Amino acid sequence: MKIFILAAAIGFLSAGLNAAENLNFTDAAFARQFTAAPGSAEVKVPEAPAPARLGRYVQVSGYVSLSGNTYISGPSGGYTSVPMSGWASFRDSSGQILSNSMTINVYASAWIRPNQYVSQMVNPSVYVEFYRQGRPVGSATMTGSITVTGWPSGNYVSLSGYGNLNGSVYVQDPE
């Protein structure tokens, strides 16, 4: 019986070696059976997203000249609001980040009496879109303090003043 078991084992061993001789280990199908799980689809690696562009805050400013006039009610004057308006364009120090020309409107409210010098601080606040080479790059609120002055004449007062409005806009760097 021992001889029979030994002969059977030697037979199975030689049959296995003979089958191994017929295998092609360089065949792509042979390699695929070890890399892919049975019944699974190919795994696709997602593409990396495009790198984010960097940006920075840019200081922008512009010169504003305001003027306005209004009627003073009563012979002794009183608390009066004078509508002030002007034009402005804003830019950064390099001149590359620009705004369009725009109207600035603000009221100067003060006690105004006939023949008394008027000096009043106004605080314009304007929302502005900025452009680089004709393309929008961002927006900012421009603020500042401007002193307007003038002398009443009869029942009218004319006020004028000038100053700068400043702000900062976040601008992405060009590609």
N, C-alpha and C. Protein backbone atom coordinates (compact mmCIF):
# COMPACT_ATOMS: atom_id res chain seq x y z
N MET A 1 0.81 -1.17 0.00
CA MET A 1 0.00 0.00 0.00
C MET A 1 0.87 1.25 0.00
N LYS A 2 1.98 1.22 0.74
CA LYS A 2 2.85 2.37 0.78
C LYS A 2 3.42 2.65 -0.60
N ILE A 3 3.69 1.66 -1.34
CA ILE A 3 4.26 1.86 -2.67
C ILE A 3 3.22 2.48 -3.58
N PHE A 4 1.99 2.07 -3.41
CA PHE A 4 0.93 2.62 -4.25
C PHE A 4 0.74 4.11 -3.99
N ILE A 5 0.77 4.54 -2.77
CA ILE A 5 0.61 5.96 -2.41
C ILE A 5 1.82 6.75 -2.91
N LEU A 6 2.98 6.15 -2.79
CA LEU A 6 4.17 6.83 -3.26
C LEU A 6 4.14 6.98 -4.78
N ALA A 7 3.68 6.00 -5.50
CA ALA A 7 3.60 6.07 -6.95
C ALA A 7 2.56 7.11 -7.38
N ALA A 8 1.46 7.20 -6.68
CA ALA A 8 0.42 8.18 -7.01
C ALA A 8 0.94 9.60 -6.77
N ALA A 9 1.68 9.81 -5.70
CA ALA A 9 2.22 11.13 -5.40
C ALA A 9 3.24 11.56 -6.45
N ILE A 10 4.09 10.63 -6.87
CA ILE A 10 5.08 10.94 -7.90
C ILE A 10 4.38 11.23 -9.22
N GLY A 11 3.29 10.54 -9.51
CA GLY A 11 2.53 10.78 -10.74
C GLY A 11 1.91 12.18 -10.75
N PHE A 12 1.30 12.55 -9.64
CA PHE A 12 0.70 13.90 -9.56
C PHE A 12 1.77 14.99 -9.67
N LEU A 13 2.91 14.77 -9.05
CA LEU A 13 3.99 15.73 -9.10
C LEU A 13 4.54 15.89 -10.52
N SER A 14 4.73 14.82 -11.22
CA SER A 14 5.24 14.92 -12.59
C SER A 14 4.20 15.53 -13.51
N ALA A 15 2.91 15.26 -13.30
CA ALA A 15 1.85 15.88 -14.12
C ALA A 15 1.81 17.39 -13.89
N GLY A 16 2.02 17.81 -12.64
CA GLY A 16 2.03 19.24 -12.34
C GLY A 16 3.21 19.94 -12.97
N LEU A 17 4.37 19.31 -12.96
CA LEU A 17 5.55 19.91 -13.58
C LEU A 17 5.39 20.00 -15.08
N ASN A 18 4.79 18.99 -15.67
CA ASN A 18 4.54 18.98 -17.11
C ASN A 18 3.58 20.11 -17.49
N ALA A 19 2.55 20.38 -16.69
CA ALA A 19 1.60 21.47 -16.96
C ALA A 19 2.29 22.83 -16.80
N ALA A 20 3.22 22.93 -15.85
CA ALA A 20 3.92 24.19 -15.64
C ALA A 20 4.83 24.52 -16.79
N GLU A 21 5.34 23.50 -17.49
CA GLU A 21 6.20 23.74 -18.63
C GLU A 21 5.43 24.41 -19.76
N ASN A 22 4.14 24.17 -19.87
CA ASN A 22 3.32 24.72 -20.95
C ASN A 22 2.81 26.14 -20.65
N LEU A 23 3.00 26.64 -19.45
CA LEU A 23 2.53 27.99 -19.12
C LEU A 23 3.49 29.04 -19.69
N ASN A 24 2.90 30.13 -20.20
CA ASN A 24 3.69 31.26 -20.71
C ASN A 24 3.62 32.37 -19.67
N PHE A 25 4.68 32.56 -18.91
CA PHE A 25 4.66 33.54 -17.82
C PHE A 25 4.82 34.98 -18.31
N THR A 26 5.11 35.18 -19.59
CA THR A 26 5.23 36.52 -20.13
C THR A 26 3.94 36.99 -20.78
N ASP A 27 2.96 36.16 -20.85
CA ASP A 27 1.68 36.51 -21.47
C ASP A 27 0.98 37.58 -20.63
N ALA A 28 0.41 38.62 -21.26
CA ALA A 28 -0.28 39.70 -20.55
C ALA A 28 -1.51 39.19 -19.81
N ALA A 29 -2.16 38.18 -20.37
CA ALA A 29 -3.34 37.63 -19.70
C ALA A 29 -2.96 36.95 -18.40
N PHE A 30 -1.79 36.32 -18.36
CA PHE A 30 -1.31 35.68 -17.14
C PHE A 30 -1.10 36.72 -16.04
N ALA A 31 -0.49 37.86 -16.39
CA ALA A 31 -0.23 38.90 -15.41
C ALA A 31 -1.52 39.56 -14.95
N ARG A 32 -2.49 39.72 -15.84
CA ARG A 32 -3.75 40.37 -15.49
C ARG A 32 -4.52 39.59 -14.44
N GLN A 33 -4.38 38.26 -14.43
CA GLN A 33 -5.15 37.47 -13.48
C GLN A 33 -4.71 37.74 -12.04
N PHE A 34 -3.51 38.26 -11.87
CA PHE A 34 -3.05 38.56 -10.52
C PHE A 34 -3.28 40.02 -10.13
N THR A 35 -3.48 40.93 -11.10
CA THR A 35 -3.63 42.35 -10.79
C THR A 35 -5.07 42.79 -10.67
N ALA A 36 -5.99 42.15 -11.33
CA ALA A 36 -7.39 42.56 -11.29
C ALA A 36 -8.19 41.56 -10.48
N ALA A 37 -9.08 42.05 -9.66
CA ALA A 37 -9.97 41.18 -8.91
C ALA A 37 -10.99 40.58 -9.86
N PRO A 38 -11.42 39.35 -9.61
CA PRO A 38 -12.38 38.73 -10.53
C PRO A 38 -13.67 39.53 -10.61
N GLY A 39 -14.13 39.83 -11.82
CA GLY A 39 -15.39 40.53 -12.05
C GLY A 39 -15.33 42.02 -11.80
N SER A 40 -14.17 42.60 -11.55
CA SER A 40 -14.11 44.03 -11.30
C SER A 40 -13.72 44.77 -12.58
N ALA A 41 -14.20 46.02 -12.68
CA ALA A 41 -13.87 46.87 -13.82
C ALA A 41 -12.51 47.53 -13.57
N GLU A 42 -11.97 48.12 -14.62
CA GLU A 42 -10.70 48.82 -14.47
C GLU A 42 -10.88 50.02 -13.55
N VAL A 43 -9.88 50.28 -12.77
CA VAL A 43 -9.91 51.40 -11.85
C VAL A 43 -9.33 52.61 -12.58
N LYS A 44 -10.10 53.72 -12.62
CA LYS A 44 -9.62 54.94 -13.26
C LYS A 44 -9.16 55.92 -12.19
N VAL A 45 -8.01 56.46 -12.39
CA VAL A 45 -7.44 57.43 -11.46
C VAL A 45 -7.93 58.82 -11.88
N PRO A 46 -8.58 59.57 -10.97
CA PRO A 46 -9.08 60.90 -11.37
C PRO A 46 -7.93 61.85 -11.65
N GLU A 47 -8.20 62.79 -12.55
CA GLU A 47 -7.19 63.80 -12.89
C GLU A 47 -7.06 64.79 -11.74
N ALA A 48 -5.87 65.28 -11.56
CA ALA A 48 -5.63 66.28 -10.52
C ALA A 48 -6.28 67.59 -10.93
N PRO A 49 -6.91 68.30 -9.99
CA PRO A 49 -7.51 69.59 -10.34
C PRO A 49 -6.44 70.61 -10.73
N ALA A 50 -6.86 71.59 -11.50
CA ALA A 50 -5.93 72.65 -11.91
C ALA A 50 -5.50 73.42 -10.67
N PRO A 51 -4.26 73.81 -10.59
CA PRO A 51 -3.80 74.54 -9.42
C PRO A 51 -4.51 75.90 -9.31
N ALA A 52 -4.84 76.28 -8.09
CA ALA A 52 -5.52 77.55 -7.86
C ALA A 52 -4.57 78.71 -8.15
N ARG A 53 -5.13 79.76 -8.75
CA ARG A 53 -4.32 80.94 -8.99
C ARG A 53 -4.18 81.71 -7.69
N LEU A 54 -3.04 82.29 -7.51
CA LEU A 54 -2.79 83.09 -6.33
C LEU A 54 -3.32 84.49 -6.56
N GLY A 55 -3.57 85.21 -5.50
CA GLY A 55 -4.06 86.57 -5.60
C GLY A 55 -3.48 87.42 -4.48
N ARG A 56 -3.86 88.67 -4.48
CA ARG A 56 -3.37 89.60 -3.47
C ARG A 56 -4.32 90.79 -3.39
N TYR A 57 -4.24 91.51 -2.28
CA TYR A 57 -5.01 92.74 -2.15
C TYR A 57 -4.20 93.89 -2.73
N VAL A 58 -4.85 94.70 -3.53
CA VAL A 58 -4.21 95.84 -4.18
C VAL A 58 -4.88 97.11 -3.66
N GLN A 59 -4.06 98.08 -3.23
CA GLN A 59 -4.59 99.36 -2.77
C GLN A 59 -4.95 100.21 -3.98
N VAL A 60 -6.16 100.76 -3.97
CA VAL A 60 -6.63 101.61 -5.06
C VAL A 60 -7.10 102.94 -4.47
N SER A 61 -6.97 104.00 -5.25
CA SER A 61 -7.39 105.32 -4.77
C SER A 61 -7.74 106.19 -5.97
N GLY A 62 -8.37 107.32 -5.66
CA GLY A 62 -8.71 108.26 -6.71
C GLY A 62 -9.05 109.62 -6.13
N TYR A 63 -8.84 110.63 -6.93
CA TYR A 63 -9.08 112.03 -6.57
C TYR A 63 -10.53 112.38 -6.89
N VAL A 64 -11.20 113.05 -5.94
CA VAL A 64 -12.60 113.44 -6.11
C VAL A 64 -12.73 114.93 -5.83
N SER A 65 -13.39 115.63 -6.71
CA SER A 65 -13.73 117.03 -6.51
C SER A 65 -15.24 117.14 -6.45
N LEU A 66 -15.77 117.63 -5.32
CA LEU A 66 -17.21 117.73 -5.11
C LEU A 66 -17.66 119.18 -5.12
N SER A 67 -18.86 119.41 -5.63
CA SER A 67 -19.45 120.74 -5.56
C SER A 67 -20.97 120.59 -5.52
N GLY A 68 -21.61 121.61 -4.95
CA GLY A 68 -23.07 121.60 -4.88
C GLY A 68 -23.58 122.90 -4.33
N ASN A 69 -24.85 123.17 -4.56
CA ASN A 69 -25.47 124.37 -4.01
C ASN A 69 -26.92 124.09 -3.70
N THR A 70 -27.51 124.93 -2.83
CA THR A 70 -28.91 124.76 -2.45
C THR A 70 -29.45 126.06 -1.88
N TYR A 71 -30.73 126.10 -1.73
CA TYR A 71 -31.45 127.24 -1.18
C TYR A 71 -31.46 127.15 0.33
N ILE A 72 -31.24 128.30 1.00
CA ILE A 72 -31.32 128.37 2.46
C ILE A 72 -32.68 128.94 2.81
N SER A 73 -33.45 128.18 3.59
CA SER A 73 -34.80 128.66 3.94
C SER A 73 -34.75 129.62 5.13
N GLY A 74 -35.58 130.63 5.08
CA GLY A 74 -35.70 131.59 6.16
C GLY A 74 -34.60 132.63 6.18
N PRO A 75 -34.85 133.79 6.79
CA PRO A 75 -33.86 134.86 6.83
C PRO A 75 -32.67 134.57 7.75
N SER A 76 -32.85 133.66 8.72
CA SER A 76 -31.75 133.38 9.64
C SER A 76 -31.07 132.04 9.34
N GLY A 77 -31.46 131.38 8.25
CA GLY A 77 -30.84 130.11 7.88
C GLY A 77 -31.38 128.97 8.71
N GLY A 78 -30.64 127.87 8.75
CA GLY A 78 -31.06 126.71 9.53
C GLY A 78 -30.28 125.47 9.10
N TYR A 79 -30.74 124.34 9.59
CA TYR A 79 -30.09 123.08 9.25
C TYR A 79 -30.44 122.74 7.81
N THR A 80 -29.42 122.59 6.97
CA THR A 80 -29.63 122.43 5.53
C THR A 80 -28.78 121.27 5.02
N SER A 81 -29.34 120.51 4.09
CA SER A 81 -28.59 119.45 3.39
C SER A 81 -28.30 119.92 1.98
N VAL A 82 -27.02 119.91 1.64
CA VAL A 82 -26.59 120.37 0.32
C VAL A 82 -26.21 119.13 -0.50
N PRO A 83 -26.89 118.88 -1.64
CA PRO A 83 -26.50 117.75 -2.48
C PRO A 83 -25.18 118.06 -3.19
N MET A 84 -24.18 117.18 -2.99
CA MET A 84 -22.86 117.36 -3.57
C MET A 84 -22.65 116.27 -4.63
N SER A 85 -22.00 116.62 -5.72
CA SER A 85 -21.70 115.62 -6.73
C SER A 85 -20.34 115.90 -7.37
N GLY A 86 -19.78 114.87 -7.97
CA GLY A 86 -18.49 114.98 -8.64
C GLY A 86 -18.21 113.72 -9.43
N TRP A 87 -17.09 113.70 -10.11
CA TRP A 87 -16.66 112.56 -10.92
C TRP A 87 -15.35 112.03 -10.38
N ALA A 88 -15.15 110.72 -10.55
CA ALA A 88 -13.89 110.12 -10.11
C ALA A 88 -13.57 108.89 -10.93
N SER A 89 -12.29 108.61 -11.06
CA SER A 89 -11.76 107.35 -11.59
C SER A 89 -10.75 106.86 -10.57
N PHE A 90 -10.68 105.56 -10.39
CA PHE A 90 -9.79 104.99 -9.38
C PHE A 90 -8.81 104.04 -10.05
N ARG A 91 -7.62 103.90 -9.42
CA ARG A 91 -6.59 103.03 -9.99
C ARG A 91 -5.62 102.62 -8.91
N ASP A 92 -4.81 101.60 -9.22
CA ASP A 92 -3.74 101.20 -8.30
C ASP A 92 -2.48 102.00 -8.63
N SER A 93 -1.43 101.80 -7.88
CA SER A 93 -0.21 102.59 -8.07
C SER A 93 0.50 102.28 -9.39
N SER A 94 0.30 101.07 -9.94
CA SER A 94 0.95 100.73 -11.20
C SER A 94 0.16 101.21 -12.42
N GLY A 95 -1.10 101.58 -12.22
CA GLY A 95 -1.94 102.03 -13.33
C GLY A 95 -2.52 100.88 -14.14
N GLN A 96 -2.37 99.63 -13.69
CA GLN A 96 -2.91 98.49 -14.41
C GLN A 96 -4.33 98.13 -13.99
N ILE A 97 -4.67 98.38 -12.73
CA ILE A 97 -6.01 98.09 -12.21
C ILE A 97 -6.78 99.39 -12.21
N LEU A 98 -7.83 99.48 -13.05
CA LEU A 98 -8.54 100.75 -13.24
C LEU A 98 -10.04 100.57 -13.06
N SER A 99 -10.72 101.68 -12.77
CA SER A 99 -12.18 101.71 -12.77
C SER A 99 -12.64 102.62 -13.90
N ASN A 100 -13.90 102.51 -14.23
CA ASN A 100 -14.48 103.48 -15.16
C ASN A 100 -14.74 104.78 -14.40
N SER A 101 -14.93 105.88 -15.13
CA SER A 101 -15.32 107.13 -14.49
C SER A 101 -16.73 106.96 -13.93
N MET A 102 -16.93 107.51 -12.77
CA MET A 102 -18.25 107.37 -12.15
C MET A 102 -18.63 108.62 -11.38
N THR A 103 -19.92 108.77 -11.18
CA THR A 103 -20.45 109.90 -10.45
C THR A 103 -20.43 109.60 -8.96
N ILE A 104 -20.03 110.58 -8.17
CA ILE A 104 -20.04 110.49 -6.72
C ILE A 104 -21.12 111.45 -6.22
N ASN A 105 -22.07 110.94 -5.46
CA ASN A 105 -23.13 111.77 -4.89
C ASN A 105 -23.16 111.59 -3.38
N VAL A 106 -23.21 112.71 -2.66
CA VAL A 106 -23.26 112.68 -1.20
C VAL A 106 -23.91 113.98 -0.73
N TYR A 107 -24.46 113.97 0.48
CA TYR A 107 -25.06 115.18 1.04
C TYR A 107 -24.16 115.75 2.13
N ALA A 108 -24.01 117.07 2.14
CA ALA A 108 -23.33 117.79 3.21
C ALA A 108 -24.42 118.46 4.03
N SER A 109 -24.59 118.01 5.26
CA SER A 109 -25.64 118.56 6.13
C SER A 109 -25.00 119.37 7.25
N ALA A 110 -25.47 120.61 7.41
CA ALA A 110 -24.88 121.49 8.42
C ALA A 110 -25.85 122.62 8.76
N TRP A 111 -25.57 123.29 9.87
CA TRP A 111 -26.28 124.52 10.20
C TRP A 111 -25.67 125.63 9.35
N ILE A 112 -26.49 126.23 8.54
CA ILE A 112 -26.00 127.28 7.64
C ILE A 112 -26.76 128.57 7.93
N ARG A 113 -26.00 129.64 8.22
CA ARG A 113 -26.60 130.95 8.50
C ARG A 113 -26.07 131.94 7.47
N PRO A 114 -26.83 132.92 7.12
CA PRO A 114 -26.38 133.92 6.14
C PRO A 114 -25.07 134.58 6.59
N ASN A 115 -24.18 134.81 5.63
CA ASN A 115 -22.90 135.48 5.84
C ASN A 115 -21.99 134.79 6.85
N GLN A 116 -22.15 133.49 7.06
CA GLN A 116 -21.25 132.73 7.92
C GLN A 116 -20.56 131.65 7.09
N TYR A 117 -19.25 131.59 7.26
CA TYR A 117 -18.44 130.60 6.54
C TYR A 117 -18.90 129.19 6.91
N VAL A 118 -18.99 128.31 5.92
CA VAL A 118 -19.43 126.92 6.15
C VAL A 118 -18.25 125.99 5.86
N SER A 119 -17.99 125.08 6.78
CA SER A 119 -16.99 124.02 6.59
C SER A 119 -17.59 122.74 7.16
N GLN A 120 -17.74 121.75 6.31
CA GLN A 120 -18.39 120.51 6.73
C GLN A 120 -17.65 119.31 6.14
N MET A 121 -17.52 118.26 6.93
CA MET A 121 -16.89 117.02 6.48
C MET A 121 -17.97 116.11 5.90
N VAL A 122 -17.69 115.55 4.70
CA VAL A 122 -18.57 114.54 4.11
C VAL A 122 -17.78 113.25 3.95
N ASN A 123 -18.47 112.13 4.00
CA ASN A 123 -17.83 110.82 3.93
C ASN A 123 -18.44 109.99 2.81
N PRO A 124 -17.99 110.21 1.57
CA PRO A 124 -18.53 109.41 0.47
C PRO A 124 -18.14 107.94 0.61
N SER A 125 -19.02 107.07 0.18
CA SER A 125 -18.77 105.63 0.13
C SER A 125 -19.35 105.13 -1.18
N VAL A 126 -18.49 104.58 -2.04
CA VAL A 126 -18.90 104.22 -3.39
C VAL A 126 -18.44 102.80 -3.70
N TYR A 127 -19.34 101.99 -4.25
CA TYR A 127 -19.00 100.63 -4.69
C TYR A 127 -18.48 100.71 -6.12
N VAL A 128 -17.28 100.17 -6.38
CA VAL A 128 -16.60 100.35 -7.66
C VAL A 128 -16.14 99.01 -8.22
N GLU A 129 -16.35 98.78 -9.52
CA GLU A 129 -15.82 97.62 -10.24
C GLU A 129 -14.47 97.98 -10.85
N PHE A 130 -13.52 97.06 -10.78
CA PHE A 130 -12.18 97.30 -11.32
C PHE A 130 -11.87 96.35 -12.46
N TYR A 131 -11.00 96.82 -13.37
CA TYR A 131 -10.66 96.08 -14.58
C TYR A 131 -9.15 96.09 -14.80
N ARG A 132 -8.66 95.02 -15.43
CA ARG A 132 -7.28 94.95 -15.90
C ARG A 132 -7.35 94.57 -17.38
N GLN A 133 -6.83 95.41 -18.24
CA GLN A 133 -6.84 95.20 -19.68
C GLN A 133 -8.25 94.91 -20.19
N GLY A 134 -9.22 95.65 -19.66
CA GLY A 134 -10.61 95.54 -20.10
C GLY A 134 -11.39 94.39 -19.50
N ARG A 135 -10.76 93.56 -18.67
CA ARG A 135 -11.45 92.42 -18.06
C ARG A 135 -11.68 92.68 -16.58
N PRO A 136 -12.86 92.33 -16.07
CA PRO A 136 -13.14 92.55 -14.64
C PRO A 136 -12.21 91.73 -13.76
N VAL A 137 -11.72 92.36 -12.69
CA VAL A 137 -10.83 91.66 -11.76
C VAL A 137 -11.35 91.68 -10.33
N GLY A 138 -12.30 92.52 -10.00
CA GLY A 138 -12.82 92.58 -8.65
C GLY A 138 -13.53 93.89 -8.39
N SER A 139 -13.98 94.05 -7.16
CA SER A 139 -14.69 95.26 -6.77
C SER A 139 -14.28 95.66 -5.36
N ALA A 140 -14.55 96.91 -5.04
CA ALA A 140 -14.19 97.44 -3.72
C ALA A 140 -15.11 98.58 -3.37
N THR A 141 -15.23 98.83 -2.09
CA THR A 141 -15.94 100.01 -1.61
C THR A 141 -14.89 101.07 -1.31
N MET A 142 -15.04 102.20 -1.98
CA MET A 142 -14.09 103.31 -1.83
C MET A 142 -14.67 104.28 -0.80
N THR A 143 -13.86 104.65 0.19
CA THR A 143 -14.31 105.56 1.24
C THR A 143 -13.25 106.62 1.50
N GLY A 144 -13.68 107.67 2.15
CA GLY A 144 -12.77 108.74 2.52
C GLY A 144 -13.53 109.88 3.17
N SER A 145 -12.81 110.89 3.59
CA SER A 145 -13.39 112.09 4.20
C SER A 145 -12.94 113.29 3.39
N ILE A 146 -13.91 114.11 3.01
CA ILE A 146 -13.62 115.30 2.22
C ILE A 146 -14.26 116.50 2.92
N THR A 147 -13.49 117.54 3.11
CA THR A 147 -14.02 118.77 3.70
C THR A 147 -14.52 119.67 2.58
N VAL A 148 -15.80 120.07 2.68
CA VAL A 148 -16.37 121.01 1.71
C VAL A 148 -16.60 122.34 2.43
N THR A 149 -16.32 123.43 1.72
CA THR A 149 -16.43 124.75 2.33
C THR A 149 -17.12 125.72 1.37
N GLY A 150 -17.56 126.85 1.91
CA GLY A 150 -18.16 127.89 1.08
C GLY A 150 -18.79 128.99 1.93
N TRP A 151 -19.22 130.06 1.24
CA TRP A 151 -19.89 131.20 1.87
C TRP A 151 -21.31 131.29 1.32
N PRO A 152 -22.29 131.45 2.19
CA PRO A 152 -23.64 131.70 1.69
C PRO A 152 -23.71 133.06 1.00
N SER A 153 -24.54 133.15 -0.01
CA SER A 153 -24.77 134.41 -0.73
C SER A 153 -26.28 134.58 -0.86
N GLY A 154 -26.82 135.53 -0.12
CA GLY A 154 -28.27 135.69 -0.11
C GLY A 154 -28.91 134.45 0.49
N ASN A 155 -29.88 133.88 -0.22
CA ASN A 155 -30.54 132.68 0.26
C ASN A 155 -29.98 131.40 -0.36
N TYR A 156 -28.80 131.47 -0.94
CA TYR A 156 -28.17 130.29 -1.55
C TYR A 156 -26.79 130.07 -0.94
N VAL A 157 -26.39 128.81 -0.95
CA VAL A 157 -25.04 128.47 -0.51
C VAL A 157 -24.45 127.52 -1.54
N SER A 158 -23.20 127.78 -1.87
CA SER A 158 -22.43 126.90 -2.76
C SER A 158 -21.25 126.36 -1.98
N LEU A 159 -21.09 125.03 -2.02
CA LEU A 159 -20.00 124.39 -1.31
C LEU A 159 -19.16 123.60 -2.31
N SER A 160 -17.87 123.50 -2.03
CA SER A 160 -16.98 122.68 -2.86
C SER A 160 -15.83 122.18 -2.00
N GLY A 161 -15.23 121.07 -2.46
CA GLY A 161 -14.08 120.51 -1.77
C GLY A 161 -13.51 119.36 -2.57
N TYR A 162 -12.34 118.91 -2.17
CA TYR A 162 -11.70 117.82 -2.90
C TYR A 162 -10.90 116.96 -1.93
N GLY A 163 -10.63 115.74 -2.37
CA GLY A 163 -9.85 114.81 -1.56
C GLY A 163 -9.75 113.47 -2.26
N ASN A 164 -9.24 112.50 -1.55
CA ASN A 164 -9.05 111.15 -2.10
C ASN A 164 -9.98 110.16 -1.44
N LEU A 165 -10.43 109.19 -2.23
CA LEU A 165 -11.14 108.03 -1.71
C LEU A 165 -10.21 106.84 -1.90
N ASN A 166 -10.19 105.95 -0.91
CA ASN A 166 -9.27 104.82 -0.91
C ASN A 166 -10.01 103.52 -0.65
N GLY A 167 -9.41 102.43 -1.08
CA GLY A 167 -9.95 101.10 -0.84
C GLY A 167 -8.93 100.06 -1.24
N SER A 168 -9.32 98.80 -1.10
CA SER A 168 -8.46 97.71 -1.56
C SER A 168 -9.33 96.66 -2.24
N VAL A 169 -8.79 96.10 -3.30
CA VAL A 169 -9.51 95.10 -4.09
C VAL A 169 -8.66 93.84 -4.16
N TYR A 170 -9.31 92.67 -4.01
CA TYR A 170 -8.60 91.40 -4.12
C TYR A 170 -8.52 91.03 -5.60
N VAL A 171 -7.31 90.88 -6.09
CA VAL A 171 -7.08 90.63 -7.52
C VAL A 171 -6.30 89.32 -7.65
N GLN A 172 -6.82 88.39 -8.49
CA GLN A 172 -6.09 87.17 -8.77
C GLN A 172 -4.96 87.47 -9.74
N ASP A 173 -3.83 86.83 -9.55
CA ASP A 173 -2.69 87.02 -10.44
C ASP A 173 -3.04 86.51 -11.83
N PRO A 174 -2.51 87.15 -12.87
CA PRO A 174 -2.79 86.67 -14.23
C PRO A 174 -2.21 85.28 -14.43
N GLU A 175 -2.81 84.54 -15.35
CA GLU A 175 -2.37 83.16 -15.63
C GLU A 175 -1.03 83.14 -16.30
